[in-house]
N, C-alpha and C. Protein backbone atom coordinates (compact mmCIF):
# COMPACT_ATOMS: atom_id res chain seq x y z
N MET A 1 95.31 71.47 128.75
CA MET A 1 95.91 72.41 129.66
C MET A 1 96.59 73.70 128.32
N ARG A 2 96.90 74.28 128.56
CA ARG A 2 97.75 75.51 128.20
C ARG A 2 99.51 75.21 128.21
N PRO A 3 100.43 75.42 127.25
CA PRO A 3 101.47 74.65 127.60
C PRO A 3 102.10 76.68 128.24
N PRO A 4 103.15 76.38 129.30
CA PRO A 4 103.47 77.62 129.71
C PRO A 4 104.67 78.12 128.52
N GLY A 5 105.30 79.77 128.51
CA GLY A 5 105.91 80.55 128.08
C GLY A 5 105.05 81.62 127.20
N ARG A 6 105.71 82.81 127.18
CA ARG A 6 104.84 83.56 126.07
C ARG A 6 105.25 82.86 124.88
N VAL A 7 103.95 83.78 123.97
CA VAL A 7 103.85 83.80 122.51
C VAL A 7 104.30 85.13 121.92
N LEU A 8 104.89 85.48 121.34
CA LEU A 8 105.47 86.69 120.16
C LEU A 8 104.36 86.16 119.00
N ALA A 9 103.91 87.43 118.56
CA ALA A 9 103.41 87.18 117.04
C ALA A 9 103.85 88.49 115.92
N VAL A 10 103.95 88.20 115.43
CA VAL A 10 104.43 89.06 114.09
C VAL A 10 103.42 88.90 112.85
N ASP A 11 103.20 91.06 112.89
CA ASP A 11 102.08 91.30 111.31
C ASP A 11 103.18 91.76 110.60
N TYR A 12 103.59 91.03 109.76
CA TYR A 12 104.74 91.60 108.96
C TYR A 12 104.12 92.36 107.68
N GLY A 13 104.84 93.64 107.56
CA GLY A 13 104.47 94.16 106.35
C GLY A 13 105.51 94.96 105.63
N SER A 14 105.20 95.48 104.38
CA SER A 14 106.73 95.30 103.93
C SER A 14 106.90 97.16 104.03
N LYS A 15 105.61 98.11 105.18
CA LYS A 15 106.44 99.25 105.73
C LYS A 15 107.16 99.00 107.11
N ARG A 16 105.94 98.59 107.81
CA ARG A 16 106.03 98.28 109.09
C ARG A 16 105.29 97.24 109.79
N VAL A 17 106.27 96.42 111.20
CA VAL A 17 105.99 95.43 111.54
C VAL A 17 105.60 95.27 113.01
N GLY A 18 104.63 94.53 112.93
CA GLY A 18 103.87 94.77 114.39
C GLY A 18 104.23 93.25 115.12
N LEU A 19 104.22 93.92 115.95
CA LEU A 19 104.46 92.55 116.89
C LEU A 19 103.38 92.94 118.30
N ALA A 20 103.30 91.58 119.15
CA ALA A 20 102.35 91.41 120.24
C ALA A 20 102.67 90.58 121.12
N LEU A 21 102.21 90.21 122.28
CA LEU A 21 102.76 89.38 123.58
C LEU A 21 101.85 88.83 123.67
N SER A 22 101.91 87.59 124.24
CA SER A 22 100.79 86.64 125.41
C SER A 22 101.50 86.69 126.98
N ASP A 23 100.51 86.53 127.98
CA ASP A 23 101.10 86.69 128.86
C ASP A 23 101.91 85.47 129.48
N PRO A 24 102.63 85.18 130.05
CA PRO A 24 103.53 83.69 130.19
C PRO A 24 102.10 82.22 130.67
N LEU A 25 100.43 82.69 130.87
CA LEU A 25 100.20 81.47 130.83
C LEU A 25 99.35 81.34 129.64
N ARG A 26 99.67 82.53 128.51
CA ARG A 26 98.88 82.21 127.25
C ARG A 26 97.32 82.68 127.40
N LEU A 27 97.09 83.41 127.74
CA LEU A 27 95.32 83.41 128.26
C LEU A 27 95.38 85.05 127.60
N PHE A 28 95.75 85.84 127.61
CA PHE A 28 96.18 86.89 126.91
C PHE A 28 97.20 87.96 125.79
N ALA A 29 96.72 88.60 124.88
CA ALA A 29 97.42 88.89 123.90
C ALA A 29 97.39 90.71 123.77
N LYS A 30 98.67 91.07 123.88
CA LYS A 30 99.14 92.54 123.99
C LYS A 30 99.55 93.28 123.22
N PRO A 31 99.03 93.94 121.96
CA PRO A 31 100.37 95.05 121.62
C PRO A 31 101.56 94.84 121.92
N LEU A 32 102.95 95.36 121.39
CA LEU A 32 103.70 95.44 121.64
C LEU A 32 104.43 96.94 121.41
N LYS A 33 104.48 96.57 120.16
CA LYS A 33 105.32 97.61 119.17
C LYS A 33 104.91 97.49 118.15
N VAL A 34 105.39 98.76 117.44
CA VAL A 34 105.30 98.85 115.41
C VAL A 34 106.79 98.47 115.63
N ILE A 35 107.39 97.96 114.62
CA ILE A 35 109.09 98.60 114.10
C ILE A 35 109.05 99.02 112.66
N SER A 36 109.87 99.58 112.56
CA SER A 36 110.14 100.28 110.47
C SER A 36 110.67 98.89 110.17
N ASN A 37 110.28 98.59 108.40
CA ASN A 37 110.75 97.31 108.03
C ASN A 37 111.70 98.02 107.16
N ASN A 38 112.85 98.02 107.80
CA ASN A 38 114.58 98.43 106.80
C ASN A 38 114.98 97.31 106.53
N GLY A 39 114.70 96.24 106.18
CA GLY A 39 115.40 95.33 106.09
C GLY A 39 114.73 93.75 107.21
N PHE A 40 115.09 93.08 106.58
CA PHE A 40 115.29 91.52 107.26
C PHE A 40 116.51 91.73 108.62
N ALA A 41 117.37 91.58 108.29
CA ALA A 41 118.79 91.89 109.33
C ALA A 41 117.57 93.00 110.47
N GLY A 42 117.39 94.00 110.57
CA GLY A 42 116.90 95.14 111.33
C GLY A 42 115.50 94.62 111.76
N ILE A 43 114.37 93.44 111.28
CA ILE A 43 113.37 93.23 111.63
C ILE A 43 114.08 91.79 112.63
N LEU A 44 114.55 91.55 112.27
CA LEU A 44 115.36 89.81 112.86
C LEU A 44 115.88 90.60 114.37
N ALA A 45 116.89 91.42 114.31
CA ALA A 45 117.69 91.53 115.54
C ALA A 45 116.93 91.97 116.42
N GLU A 46 115.36 93.17 116.37
CA GLU A 46 114.17 93.32 117.04
C GLU A 46 113.53 91.89 117.35
N ILE A 47 113.57 91.08 116.55
CA ILE A 47 112.50 89.49 117.72
C ILE A 47 113.31 89.72 118.27
N ARG A 48 114.46 88.90 117.63
CA ARG A 48 115.99 88.64 118.67
C ARG A 48 115.93 89.27 120.16
N SER A 49 115.96 90.60 120.09
CA SER A 49 116.05 91.14 121.37
C SER A 49 115.07 91.29 122.30
N THR A 50 113.10 91.14 121.68
CA THR A 50 112.68 90.86 122.35
C THR A 50 111.85 89.26 122.78
N ILE A 51 112.41 88.49 122.19
CA ILE A 51 112.50 87.10 122.36
C ILE A 51 113.03 87.00 123.71
N ALA A 52 114.42 87.41 123.95
CA ALA A 52 115.67 87.37 124.88
C ALA A 52 115.06 88.33 126.06
N GLU A 53 114.50 89.53 125.76
CA GLU A 53 114.16 90.26 127.38
C GLU A 53 112.75 89.43 127.63
N GLN A 54 112.07 89.21 126.80
CA GLN A 54 110.44 88.73 127.37
C GLN A 54 110.57 87.13 127.22
N ASP A 55 111.05 86.66 127.28
CA ASP A 55 111.22 84.77 127.63
C ASP A 55 110.20 84.09 126.55
N VAL A 56 110.50 84.68 124.97
CA VAL A 56 109.32 83.75 124.83
C VAL A 56 109.94 82.73 124.01
N GLU A 57 108.67 81.61 123.91
CA GLU A 57 109.01 80.15 123.20
C GLU A 57 108.85 79.81 122.39
N LEU A 58 107.90 80.36 121.93
CA LEU A 58 106.90 80.73 120.36
C LEU A 58 106.74 81.90 119.61
N LEU A 59 106.57 81.88 118.64
CA LEU A 59 106.39 82.86 117.62
C LEU A 59 105.40 82.49 116.53
N ILE A 60 104.46 83.07 116.15
CA ILE A 60 103.62 82.93 115.12
C ILE A 60 103.58 84.35 113.86
N CYS A 61 103.85 83.84 113.12
CA CYS A 61 103.63 85.01 112.21
C CYS A 61 102.63 85.05 111.20
N GLY A 62 101.83 86.00 111.33
CA GLY A 62 100.55 86.13 110.26
C GLY A 62 100.67 85.89 108.86
N ILE A 63 99.62 84.98 108.36
CA ILE A 63 99.89 84.87 107.07
C ILE A 63 98.44 85.46 106.30
N PRO A 64 99.07 86.38 105.62
CA PRO A 64 97.58 87.56 104.63
C PRO A 64 96.77 86.56 103.49
N TYR A 65 96.46 85.60 103.49
CA TYR A 65 95.38 84.64 102.73
C TYR A 65 94.67 85.45 102.07
N ALA A 66 94.19 85.45 100.69
CA ALA A 66 93.50 86.46 100.13
C ALA A 66 92.19 85.35 100.81
N ILE A 67 90.99 86.31 100.40
CA ILE A 67 89.63 86.04 100.71
C ILE A 67 89.10 84.30 100.54
N GLU A 68 89.18 84.09 99.85
CA GLU A 68 88.91 82.57 99.15
C GLU A 68 90.20 81.91 99.84
N GLY A 69 90.91 81.92 100.76
CA GLY A 69 91.90 80.98 100.86
C GLY A 69 93.46 80.84 99.77
N GLY A 70 93.31 81.57 98.72
CA GLY A 70 94.74 81.10 98.04
C GLY A 70 96.03 82.17 98.66
N ASP A 71 96.81 82.67 97.49
CA ASP A 71 97.67 83.58 97.35
C ASP A 71 98.06 84.21 96.96
N THR A 72 97.97 85.69 97.41
CA THR A 72 98.25 86.46 96.81
C THR A 72 99.55 87.23 96.88
N PRO A 73 100.25 88.20 96.02
CA PRO A 73 101.76 88.69 96.10
C PRO A 73 102.07 88.48 97.11
N LYS A 74 101.45 89.89 97.95
CA LYS A 74 101.65 89.63 99.50
C LYS A 74 101.49 88.45 100.29
N THR A 75 101.24 87.32 100.50
CA THR A 75 101.19 85.80 100.88
C THR A 75 103.27 85.38 100.53
N THR A 76 102.67 85.31 99.61
CA THR A 76 103.85 85.14 98.83
C THR A 76 105.05 85.67 99.35
N GLU A 77 104.96 86.72 99.77
CA GLU A 77 106.17 87.26 100.37
C GLU A 77 106.56 87.50 101.77
N THR A 78 105.30 87.40 102.66
CA THR A 78 105.03 87.11 103.58
C THR A 78 105.78 85.33 104.28
N LYS A 79 105.38 84.73 103.42
CA LYS A 79 105.53 83.48 103.04
C LYS A 79 107.54 83.36 103.12
N ALA A 80 107.76 84.13 102.64
CA ALA A 80 109.31 83.68 102.39
C ALA A 80 110.47 85.06 103.22
N PHE A 81 109.46 85.68 104.17
CA PHE A 81 109.73 85.85 105.16
C PHE A 81 110.26 85.17 106.49
N LEU A 82 108.89 84.74 106.24
CA LEU A 82 108.69 83.53 107.73
C LEU A 82 109.41 82.61 107.92
N ALA A 83 109.97 82.04 106.43
CA ALA A 83 110.39 80.93 105.74
C ALA A 83 112.46 81.27 107.00
N LYS A 84 112.64 82.69 106.43
CA LYS A 84 113.64 83.37 106.94
C LYS A 84 113.78 83.26 108.33
N LEU A 85 113.06 83.63 108.48
CA LEU A 85 112.55 83.85 110.25
C LEU A 85 112.65 82.54 111.02
N THR A 86 112.23 81.23 110.46
CA THR A 86 112.45 79.82 111.20
C THR A 86 113.27 79.68 110.81
N ALA A 87 114.25 79.88 109.72
CA ALA A 87 116.18 79.24 109.31
C ALA A 87 117.07 80.01 110.77
N ALA A 88 116.84 81.19 111.26
CA ALA A 88 117.49 82.02 111.51
C ALA A 88 117.17 82.52 113.51
N LEU A 89 115.25 81.69 113.96
CA LEU A 89 115.58 81.62 115.15
C LEU A 89 115.15 79.99 115.53
N GLU A 90 115.97 80.20 116.97
CA GLU A 90 115.81 78.68 117.39
C GLU A 90 114.44 78.43 117.79
N ILE A 91 114.21 79.43 118.20
CA ILE A 91 112.34 78.83 118.67
C ILE A 91 111.63 78.30 117.68
N ARG A 92 110.60 77.94 117.90
CA ARG A 92 109.59 77.41 117.07
C ARG A 92 108.68 78.45 116.65
N VAL A 93 108.15 78.89 115.50
CA VAL A 93 107.39 79.37 114.65
C VAL A 93 106.76 78.60 113.61
N LEU A 94 105.58 79.51 114.09
CA LEU A 94 104.28 78.35 113.13
C LEU A 94 103.40 79.67 112.14
N PRO A 95 103.37 79.41 110.72
CA PRO A 95 102.44 80.60 110.25
C PRO A 95 101.20 80.69 110.47
N TRP A 96 100.01 81.58 110.80
CA TRP A 96 98.69 81.48 110.89
C TRP A 96 97.88 82.76 110.47
N ASP A 97 96.96 82.67 110.02
CA ASP A 97 96.21 82.70 109.03
C ASP A 97 95.78 84.31 109.56
N GLU A 98 95.49 84.95 108.70
CA GLU A 98 95.34 86.95 109.55
C GLU A 98 94.41 87.49 108.01
N ARG A 99 93.64 86.67 107.64
CA ARG A 99 92.76 87.37 106.43
C ARG A 99 92.33 88.69 107.46
N TYR A 100 91.75 88.25 108.80
CA TYR A 100 90.86 89.75 109.13
C TYR A 100 91.49 90.53 109.70
N SER A 101 92.60 90.08 110.44
CA SER A 101 93.11 90.79 111.36
C SER A 101 93.70 92.79 111.61
N THR A 102 93.81 92.78 110.51
CA THR A 102 94.19 94.89 110.32
C THR A 102 92.32 94.69 110.17
N ASP A 103 91.54 94.51 109.89
CA ASP A 103 90.11 95.02 110.23
C ASP A 103 89.85 95.11 111.44
N GLU A 104 90.13 93.82 112.30
CA GLU A 104 89.54 93.61 113.77
C GLU A 104 90.43 94.99 114.05
N ALA A 105 91.14 94.53 114.11
CA ALA A 105 92.55 95.52 115.11
C ALA A 105 91.52 97.17 114.46
N GLU A 106 90.87 97.39 113.76
CA GLU A 106 91.07 98.77 113.23
C GLU A 106 89.35 99.38 113.61
N LYS A 107 89.11 97.92 113.90
CA LYS A 107 86.99 98.34 115.11
C LYS A 107 87.71 98.19 116.16
N GLU A 108 88.74 97.29 117.20
CA GLU A 108 88.81 97.77 118.34
C GLU A 108 89.69 99.24 118.15
N LEU A 109 90.43 99.50 118.01
CA LEU A 109 90.68 100.91 118.47
C LEU A 109 89.71 101.55 117.80
N ILE A 110 89.07 101.80 117.30
CA ILE A 110 87.85 102.81 116.90
C ILE A 110 86.42 102.46 117.99
N LYS A 111 86.45 100.87 118.71
CA LYS A 111 85.79 101.04 119.95
C LYS A 111 86.36 101.42 121.18
N LEU A 112 87.51 101.20 121.23
CA LEU A 112 88.36 102.24 122.31
C LEU A 112 88.72 103.69 122.51
N GLY A 113 88.13 103.77 121.01
CA GLY A 113 88.05 105.54 121.09
C GLY A 113 89.30 106.10 120.59
N TYR A 114 89.65 105.70 119.65
CA TYR A 114 91.37 106.46 118.34
C TYR A 114 90.95 106.62 117.40
N ASP A 115 91.62 108.04 117.52
CA ASP A 115 91.16 108.51 115.74
C ASP A 115 91.61 107.64 114.80
N TRP A 116 91.77 108.02 113.85
CA TRP A 116 92.42 107.97 112.57
C TRP A 116 94.13 108.25 112.70
N LYS A 117 94.22 109.48 113.44
CA LYS A 117 95.68 109.78 113.28
C LYS A 117 96.39 109.15 114.73
N LYS A 118 95.98 108.45 115.81
CA LYS A 118 96.48 107.71 116.71
C LYS A 118 96.34 106.13 116.85
N ARG A 119 95.43 105.64 115.89
CA ARG A 119 95.49 104.55 114.95
C ARG A 119 96.32 104.34 114.23
N ARG A 120 96.93 105.00 113.62
CA ARG A 120 97.68 104.44 112.38
C ARG A 120 99.37 104.16 112.91
N PRO A 121 99.62 104.75 113.81
CA PRO A 121 101.12 104.41 113.90
C PRO A 121 101.42 103.18 115.15
N ILE A 122 99.75 102.44 115.79
CA ILE A 122 99.39 101.28 116.85
C ILE A 122 98.94 100.08 115.85
N GLN A 123 98.49 100.62 114.55
CA GLN A 123 97.56 99.62 114.44
C GLN A 123 98.41 98.08 113.59
N ASP A 124 99.67 98.34 113.69
CA ASP A 124 100.20 97.00 112.87
C ASP A 124 100.65 96.12 114.30
N ALA A 125 100.59 96.71 115.44
CA ALA A 125 101.15 96.18 116.90
C ALA A 125 99.32 95.28 117.17
N MET A 126 98.38 96.02 116.88
CA MET A 126 97.26 96.07 116.92
C MET A 126 96.76 94.64 116.29
N ALA A 127 96.80 94.41 114.96
CA ALA A 127 96.47 93.80 114.20
C ALA A 127 97.81 92.42 114.55
N ALA A 128 98.76 92.63 114.98
CA ALA A 128 99.69 90.87 115.63
C ALA A 128 99.11 90.86 117.03
N ALA A 129 98.34 91.62 117.52
CA ALA A 129 97.73 90.89 119.13
C ALA A 129 96.14 90.64 118.71
N MET A 130 95.38 90.87 117.82
CA MET A 130 94.33 90.05 116.80
C MET A 130 95.18 88.93 116.50
N ILE A 131 95.88 88.39 115.71
CA ILE A 131 96.49 87.12 115.22
C ILE A 131 97.18 86.54 116.46
N LEU A 132 97.46 86.68 117.46
CA LEU A 132 98.07 86.13 118.67
C LEU A 132 96.85 85.97 119.26
N LYS A 133 95.80 86.65 119.02
CA LYS A 133 94.35 86.69 120.06
C LYS A 133 93.64 85.10 119.41
N SER A 134 93.85 85.31 118.04
CA SER A 134 93.43 83.80 117.60
C SER A 134 94.09 82.50 117.63
N TYR A 135 95.23 83.11 117.64
CA TYR A 135 95.81 81.57 117.81
C TYR A 135 95.51 81.41 119.40
N LEU A 136 95.66 81.91 120.30
CA LEU A 136 95.65 81.62 121.47
C LEU A 136 94.48 81.12 122.13
N GLU A 137 93.10 81.36 121.57
CA GLU A 137 91.70 81.08 121.22
C GLU A 137 91.63 79.44 121.20
N THR A 138 92.67 78.81 120.41
CA THR A 138 92.44 77.57 120.15
C THR A 138 93.31 76.79 120.75
N LEU A 139 94.00 77.24 121.99
CA LEU A 139 94.56 76.51 122.94
C LEU A 139 93.32 75.31 123.78
């Protein structure tokens, strides 16, 4: 049986951070929004606000491992972001392998008929939705 409560997924990027949200039954993942990365304090404020507004119980943070599974400079940067999030939030925070989420997001948006100009502003939120979908499929 699935635990109740919404899950928020984060696709961290040095320029933009994508957010996606599950339904309360943890069956579906939907892109929520993209926020500009203007520093940790701003990202944290947006995430805290979303947690409160949406009654989020768990946060999943995508970790971009290298194809063979090792760490890259981006992996290290994202792990540092994850550690700061974990320390700052009162809810449970889990890392999640996001190796192919951006490619999956792009393919999904193309399938839905978005051209590159329309894909660009929502691609990070869709990538977060792919991370969340991957997590929900394990429940």
